[in-house]
Structures are given as structure tokens and as C-alpha cells.
Amino acid sequence: MERLVYRSKADSVLKRAKGLEQAVEKYLRLRKIAFIRVENYRCFRCGQVQNSKANGFPDFFCYAPVVLAIECKTGKGQLSQIQKEVKEAMEKSGIDYLLVRDNIDILLRYFERRK
């Protein structure tokens, strides 16, 4: 029984994450901002990210008119160690990096400042 409860909590978190990513994507499309979506997927049994080719990379890369990386997190989700290393490397190379948490407000503010 505990396993089913755990799985339903994980499903809830995954649905919120997917909704946040969809909101980011819709906003980028609305603004006609060129972007690439890095498709990661989670194992439904263990919850681990299975796309090792993109391990640590953010969910979106945009060009607006500078390169912008966007990572989406929901709830108490934190950057993994590899994500922190990738974020630091990107920022050192001049790439803007946004951590979007639970809603797209920070994304809206970022683009408002760039007008």
C-alpha cells in the first residue's frame, strides 16, 4: 500500500513539473522567442532522469537576443550537483540562466527588464 501512495505523490509532482514546462513553452511561443526544449524523461518506477546525454542541462535554451537557459523546478525541488556545475559553467561563459520555480513570474520579469 505504501508503494501506491508514494507513486501517487510522485505522479502529482511530475504533473506539476510538466504544467510548469508547458507554461514556459507557451510563453516563449507567444513571444516568438526561438527555443530548444531538452527532452528528459523519468523512469516511472524509480523517478530517475533517463536521458544521460543531456544530464545536468536545463529544460530550455532560448535566443532572445542573448542565449538564455531555463530550468524548471516545482515545490522544494533543488538543482542536482551536475545541474549546479552546468549552471556555473554557463554563467561563466556569459549565458543567462533562470531557475523558474512553480510559476513563470521570474521569466516575465526577465523579459520585461530586457525591453
N, C-alpha and C. Protein backbone atom coordinates (compact mmCIF):
# COMPACT_ATOMS: atom_id res chain seq x y z
N MET A 1 0.82 -1.21 0.00
CA MET A 1 0.00 0.00 0.00
C MET A 1 0.86 1.26 0.00
N GLU A 2 1.95 1.28 0.78
CA GLU A 2 2.82 2.46 0.82
C GLU A 2 3.37 2.78 -0.56
N ARG A 3 3.69 1.75 -1.32
CA ARG A 3 4.25 1.97 -2.65
C ARG A 3 3.27 2.73 -3.54
N LEU A 4 1.99 2.41 -3.46
CA LEU A 4 0.98 3.10 -4.26
C LEU A 4 0.86 4.56 -3.83
N VAL A 5 0.95 4.84 -2.53
CA VAL A 5 0.88 6.21 -2.04
C VAL A 5 2.08 6.99 -2.55
N TYR A 6 3.27 6.40 -2.49
CA TYR A 6 4.47 7.07 -2.97
C TYR A 6 4.34 7.37 -4.46
N ARG A 7 3.86 6.43 -5.21
CA ARG A 7 3.74 6.61 -6.65
C ARG A 7 2.75 7.74 -6.96
N SER A 8 1.66 7.84 -6.21
CA SER A 8 0.69 8.89 -6.49
C SER A 8 1.27 10.27 -6.16
N LYS A 9 2.10 10.37 -5.11
CA LYS A 9 2.76 11.64 -4.80
C LYS A 9 3.74 12.00 -5.91
N ALA A 10 4.48 11.02 -6.39
CA ALA A 10 5.43 11.26 -7.49
C ALA A 10 4.68 11.70 -8.74
N ASP A 11 3.54 11.07 -9.01
CA ASP A 11 2.74 11.46 -10.18
C ASP A 11 2.29 12.90 -10.07
N SER A 12 1.90 13.32 -8.88
CA SER A 12 1.45 14.70 -8.66
C SER A 12 2.58 15.69 -8.93
N VAL A 13 3.77 15.39 -8.45
CA VAL A 13 4.93 16.26 -8.67
C VAL A 13 5.26 16.32 -10.15
N LEU A 14 5.24 15.17 -10.83
CA LEU A 14 5.55 15.15 -12.26
C LEU A 14 4.52 15.95 -13.07
N LYS A 15 3.24 15.88 -12.68
CA LYS A 15 2.21 16.65 -13.39
C LYS A 15 2.43 18.15 -13.21
N ARG A 16 2.81 18.58 -11.98
CA ARG A 16 3.07 20.00 -11.76
C ARG A 16 4.26 20.45 -12.57
N ALA A 17 5.31 19.62 -12.62
CA ALA A 17 6.50 19.96 -13.39
C ALA A 17 6.16 20.09 -14.86
N LYS A 18 5.39 19.14 -15.37
CA LYS A 18 5.00 19.18 -16.78
C LYS A 18 4.18 20.43 -17.07
N GLY A 19 3.28 20.80 -16.15
CA GLY A 19 2.49 22.00 -16.33
C GLY A 19 3.33 23.26 -16.35
N LEU A 20 4.35 23.32 -15.51
CA LEU A 20 5.26 24.47 -15.49
C LEU A 20 6.04 24.55 -16.80
N GLU A 21 6.55 23.43 -17.26
CA GLU A 21 7.29 23.40 -18.52
C GLU A 21 6.39 23.81 -19.69
N GLN A 22 5.14 23.37 -19.67
CA GLN A 22 4.20 23.76 -20.72
C GLN A 22 3.92 25.26 -20.68
N ALA A 23 3.83 25.83 -19.48
CA ALA A 23 3.60 27.27 -19.36
C ALA A 23 4.78 28.06 -19.91
N VAL A 24 6.00 27.61 -19.62
CA VAL A 24 7.20 28.26 -20.16
C VAL A 24 7.19 28.18 -21.68
N GLU A 25 6.93 26.99 -22.19
CA GLU A 25 6.91 26.82 -23.64
C GLU A 25 5.85 27.70 -24.31
N LYS A 26 4.65 27.77 -23.74
CA LYS A 26 3.60 28.61 -24.31
C LYS A 26 4.00 30.08 -24.31
N TYR A 27 4.64 30.52 -23.22
CA TYR A 27 5.07 31.92 -23.15
C TYR A 27 6.13 32.22 -24.21
N LEU A 28 7.09 31.32 -24.36
CA LEU A 28 8.14 31.54 -25.37
C LEU A 28 7.54 31.58 -26.77
N ARG A 29 6.60 30.70 -27.03
CA ARG A 29 5.93 30.70 -28.35
C ARG A 29 5.14 32.00 -28.55
N LEU A 30 4.42 32.43 -27.52
CA LEU A 30 3.65 33.67 -27.59
C LEU A 30 4.54 34.86 -27.92
N ARG A 31 5.72 34.90 -27.29
CA ARG A 31 6.67 36.00 -27.54
C ARG A 31 7.49 35.80 -28.82
N LYS A 32 7.28 34.67 -29.49
CA LYS A 32 8.01 34.33 -30.73
C LYS A 32 9.51 34.29 -30.48
N ILE A 33 9.89 33.66 -29.38
CA ILE A 33 11.29 33.52 -28.99
C ILE A 33 11.76 32.13 -29.43
N ALA A 34 12.85 32.10 -30.18
CA ALA A 34 13.41 30.83 -30.64
C ALA A 34 13.92 30.04 -29.43
N PHE A 35 13.55 28.76 -29.35
CA PHE A 35 14.00 27.94 -28.23
C PHE A 35 14.14 26.49 -28.63
N ILE A 36 14.89 25.78 -27.82
CA ILE A 36 15.03 24.33 -27.94
C ILE A 36 14.62 23.75 -26.60
N ARG A 37 13.81 22.74 -26.63
CA ARG A 37 13.37 22.05 -25.41
C ARG A 37 14.23 20.80 -25.25
N VAL A 38 14.92 20.67 -24.13
CA VAL A 38 15.72 19.48 -23.85
C VAL A 38 14.78 18.45 -23.23
N GLU A 39 14.54 17.39 -23.96
CA GLU A 39 13.58 16.38 -23.51
C GLU A 39 14.25 15.37 -22.57
N ASN A 40 13.95 15.48 -21.31
CA ASN A 40 14.35 14.48 -20.34
C ASN A 40 13.10 13.72 -19.94
N TYR A 41 13.26 12.52 -19.53
CA TYR A 41 12.12 11.77 -19.05
C TYR A 41 12.53 10.97 -17.83
N ARG A 42 11.57 10.68 -16.99
CA ARG A 42 11.83 9.96 -15.75
C ARG A 42 11.30 8.54 -15.85
N CYS A 43 12.05 7.64 -15.25
CA CYS A 43 11.61 6.25 -15.11
C CYS A 43 10.39 6.23 -14.19
N PHE A 44 9.30 5.63 -14.64
CA PHE A 44 8.09 5.63 -13.80
C PHE A 44 8.27 4.77 -12.55
N ARG A 45 9.26 3.89 -12.52
CA ARG A 45 9.48 3.05 -11.35
C ARG A 45 10.37 3.71 -10.30
N CYS A 46 11.48 4.30 -10.75
CA CYS A 46 12.44 4.85 -9.78
C CYS A 46 12.45 6.37 -9.72
N GLY A 47 11.89 7.05 -10.73
CA GLY A 47 11.84 8.50 -10.72
C GLY A 47 13.11 9.18 -11.20
N GLN A 48 14.11 8.42 -11.62
CA GLN A 48 15.38 9.00 -12.05
C GLN A 48 15.32 9.46 -13.51
N VAL A 49 16.03 10.56 -13.81
CA VAL A 49 16.10 11.06 -15.18
C VAL A 49 16.85 10.04 -16.02
N GLN A 50 16.31 9.73 -17.18
CA GLN A 50 16.86 8.66 -18.01
C GLN A 50 17.62 9.16 -19.24
N ASN A 51 17.63 10.44 -19.52
CA ASN A 51 18.32 10.96 -20.70
C ASN A 51 19.73 11.37 -20.31
N SER A 52 20.65 10.43 -20.30
CA SER A 52 22.00 10.72 -19.83
C SER A 52 22.78 11.63 -20.78
N LYS A 53 22.36 11.74 -22.03
CA LYS A 53 23.06 12.63 -22.98
C LYS A 53 22.89 14.09 -22.60
N ALA A 54 21.81 14.41 -21.91
CA ALA A 54 21.54 15.80 -21.52
C ALA A 54 21.60 15.96 -20.00
N ASN A 55 22.27 15.07 -19.32
CA ASN A 55 22.33 15.10 -17.86
C ASN A 55 22.87 16.44 -17.37
N GLY A 56 22.09 17.13 -16.56
CA GLY A 56 22.51 18.40 -15.98
C GLY A 56 22.11 19.62 -16.79
N PHE A 57 21.70 19.42 -18.04
CA PHE A 57 21.35 20.57 -18.87
C PHE A 57 19.96 21.09 -18.51
N PRO A 58 19.74 22.39 -18.69
CA PRO A 58 18.44 22.97 -18.36
C PRO A 58 17.36 22.50 -19.33
N ASP A 59 16.12 22.77 -18.96
CA ASP A 59 14.97 22.32 -19.75
C ASP A 59 14.83 23.05 -21.08
N PHE A 60 15.25 24.32 -21.13
CA PHE A 60 15.11 25.12 -22.35
C PHE A 60 16.38 25.91 -22.62
N PHE A 61 16.68 26.08 -23.90
CA PHE A 61 17.67 27.05 -24.37
C PHE A 61 16.94 28.00 -25.30
N CYS A 62 17.14 29.30 -25.10
CA CYS A 62 16.47 30.31 -25.91
C CYS A 62 17.50 31.27 -26.48
N TYR A 63 17.09 31.94 -27.54
CA TYR A 63 17.87 33.05 -28.06
C TYR A 63 16.94 34.23 -28.13
N ALA A 64 17.20 35.23 -27.25
CA ALA A 64 16.20 36.31 -27.13
C ALA A 64 16.77 37.66 -26.72
N PRO A 65 17.58 38.37 -27.33
CA PRO A 65 18.57 38.05 -28.36
C PRO A 65 19.87 37.52 -27.79
N VAL A 66 19.92 37.29 -26.49
CA VAL A 66 21.07 36.61 -25.90
C VAL A 66 20.68 35.17 -25.62
N VAL A 67 21.67 34.33 -25.39
CA VAL A 67 21.37 32.93 -25.05
C VAL A 67 20.89 32.89 -23.60
N LEU A 68 19.79 32.21 -23.41
CA LEU A 68 19.17 32.08 -22.10
C LEU A 68 18.88 30.61 -21.85
N ALA A 69 19.29 30.12 -20.69
CA ALA A 69 18.98 28.75 -20.27
C ALA A 69 17.91 28.84 -19.18
N ILE A 70 16.91 27.96 -19.26
CA ILE A 70 15.82 27.97 -18.30
C ILE A 70 15.67 26.57 -17.70
N GLU A 71 15.74 26.49 -16.38
CA GLU A 71 15.49 25.24 -15.66
C GLU A 71 14.21 25.40 -14.86
N CYS A 72 13.32 24.43 -14.95
CA CYS A 72 12.04 24.46 -14.24
C CYS A 72 12.09 23.54 -13.03
N LYS A 73 11.65 24.05 -11.89
CA LYS A 73 11.56 23.26 -10.66
C LYS A 73 10.24 23.57 -9.99
N THR A 74 9.66 22.57 -9.37
CA THR A 74 8.41 22.77 -8.64
C THR A 74 8.62 22.41 -7.18
N GLY A 75 7.79 22.98 -6.33
CA GLY A 75 7.84 22.66 -4.91
C GLY A 75 9.20 22.94 -4.32
N LYS A 76 9.72 21.96 -3.62
CA LYS A 76 11.03 22.09 -2.97
C LYS A 76 12.16 21.54 -3.82
N GLY A 77 11.88 21.27 -5.10
CA GLY A 77 12.90 20.71 -5.99
C GLY A 77 14.15 21.57 -6.02
N GLN A 78 15.29 20.93 -5.95
CA GLN A 78 16.59 21.61 -5.95
C GLN A 78 17.40 21.18 -7.16
N LEU A 79 18.35 22.01 -7.54
CA LEU A 79 19.28 21.63 -8.59
C LEU A 79 20.17 20.49 -8.09
N SER A 80 20.38 19.50 -8.93
CA SER A 80 21.32 18.43 -8.59
C SER A 80 22.74 18.98 -8.68
N GLN A 81 23.69 18.22 -8.22
CA GLN A 81 25.09 18.67 -8.27
C GLN A 81 25.53 18.92 -9.72
N ILE A 82 25.18 18.02 -10.61
CA ILE A 82 25.56 18.21 -12.02
C ILE A 82 24.87 19.43 -12.61
N GLN A 83 23.61 19.69 -12.22
CA GLN A 83 22.91 20.89 -12.70
C GLN A 83 23.59 22.15 -12.18
N LYS A 84 24.06 22.13 -10.94
CA LYS A 84 24.78 23.28 -10.38
C LYS A 84 26.06 23.54 -11.16
N GLU A 85 26.77 22.47 -11.51
CA GLU A 85 28.02 22.61 -12.26
C GLU A 85 27.76 23.16 -13.66
N VAL A 86 26.72 22.67 -14.31
CA VAL A 86 26.37 23.16 -15.65
C VAL A 86 25.96 24.63 -15.57
N LYS A 87 25.14 24.98 -14.57
CA LYS A 87 24.69 26.37 -14.38
C LYS A 87 25.90 27.29 -14.21
N GLU A 88 26.83 26.91 -13.36
CA GLU A 88 28.02 27.72 -13.12
C GLU A 88 28.85 27.88 -14.40
N ALA A 89 29.03 26.81 -15.14
CA ALA A 89 29.80 26.87 -16.39
C ALA A 89 29.12 27.78 -17.41
N MET A 90 27.80 27.69 -17.50
CA MET A 90 27.06 28.54 -18.44
C MET A 90 27.18 30.01 -18.06
N GLU A 91 26.99 30.31 -16.79
CA GLU A 91 27.08 31.70 -16.34
C GLU A 91 28.49 32.26 -16.54
N LYS A 92 29.51 31.44 -16.32
CA LYS A 92 30.89 31.89 -16.56
C LYS A 92 31.13 32.20 -18.03
N SER A 93 30.41 31.50 -18.91
CA SER A 93 30.60 31.73 -20.35
C SER A 93 29.67 32.80 -20.90
N GLY A 94 28.90 33.47 -20.01
CA GLY A 94 28.07 34.58 -20.44
C GLY A 94 26.64 34.23 -20.78
N ILE A 95 26.22 33.00 -20.51
CA ILE A 95 24.84 32.59 -20.78
C ILE A 95 23.98 32.94 -19.57
N ASP A 96 22.87 33.62 -19.82
CA ASP A 96 21.92 33.90 -18.74
C ASP A 96 21.25 32.60 -18.35
N TYR A 97 21.04 32.40 -17.05
CA TYR A 97 20.44 31.15 -16.54
C TYR A 97 19.33 31.51 -15.57
N LEU A 98 18.12 31.03 -15.85
CA LEU A 98 16.99 31.29 -14.96
C LEU A 98 16.50 29.99 -14.34
N LEU A 99 16.27 30.04 -13.05
CA LEU A 99 15.61 28.93 -12.35
C LEU A 99 14.17 29.36 -12.14
N VAL A 100 13.26 28.75 -12.89
CA VAL A 100 11.84 29.09 -12.83
C VAL A 100 11.20 28.11 -11.84
N ARG A 101 10.59 28.68 -10.79
CA ARG A 101 10.06 27.84 -9.73
C ARG A 101 8.55 28.06 -9.56
N ASP A 102 7.78 27.02 -9.81
CA ASP A 102 6.33 26.97 -9.56
C ASP A 102 5.47 27.85 -10.47
N ASN A 103 5.99 28.95 -10.98
CA ASN A 103 5.23 29.77 -11.93
C ASN A 103 6.24 30.53 -12.79
N ILE A 104 5.74 31.23 -13.80
CA ILE A 104 6.67 31.86 -14.75
C ILE A 104 6.92 33.34 -14.45
N ASP A 105 6.63 33.78 -13.23
CA ASP A 105 6.83 35.19 -12.88
C ASP A 105 8.25 35.68 -13.14
N ILE A 106 9.24 34.90 -12.76
CA ILE A 106 10.64 35.33 -12.95
C ILE A 106 10.96 35.45 -14.44
N LEU A 107 10.36 34.60 -15.24
CA LEU A 107 10.55 34.66 -16.69
C LEU A 107 9.93 35.94 -17.25
N LEU A 108 8.74 36.28 -16.79
CA LEU A 108 8.09 37.52 -17.22
C LEU A 108 8.94 38.73 -16.85
N ARG A 109 9.46 38.75 -15.61
CA ARG A 109 10.30 39.87 -15.16
C ARG A 109 11.60 39.95 -15.97
N TYR A 110 12.18 38.81 -16.29
CA TYR A 110 13.41 38.78 -17.09
C TYR A 110 13.20 39.48 -18.43
N PHE A 111 12.13 39.14 -19.11
CA PHE A 111 11.88 39.73 -20.43
C PHE A 111 11.41 41.17 -20.34
N GLU A 112 10.74 41.54 -19.27
CA GLU A 112 10.35 42.95 -19.07
C GLU A 112 11.60 43.82 -18.92
N ARG A 113 12.60 43.34 -18.19
CA ARG A 113 13.85 44.08 -18.00
C ARG A 113 14.63 44.22 -19.29
N ARG A 114 14.47 43.29 -20.21
CA ARG A 114 15.25 43.29 -21.45
C ARG A 114 14.65 44.17 -22.54
N LYS A 115 13.48 44.75 -22.30
CA LYS A 115 12.85 45.59 -23.33
C LYS A 115 13.65 46.84 -23.60
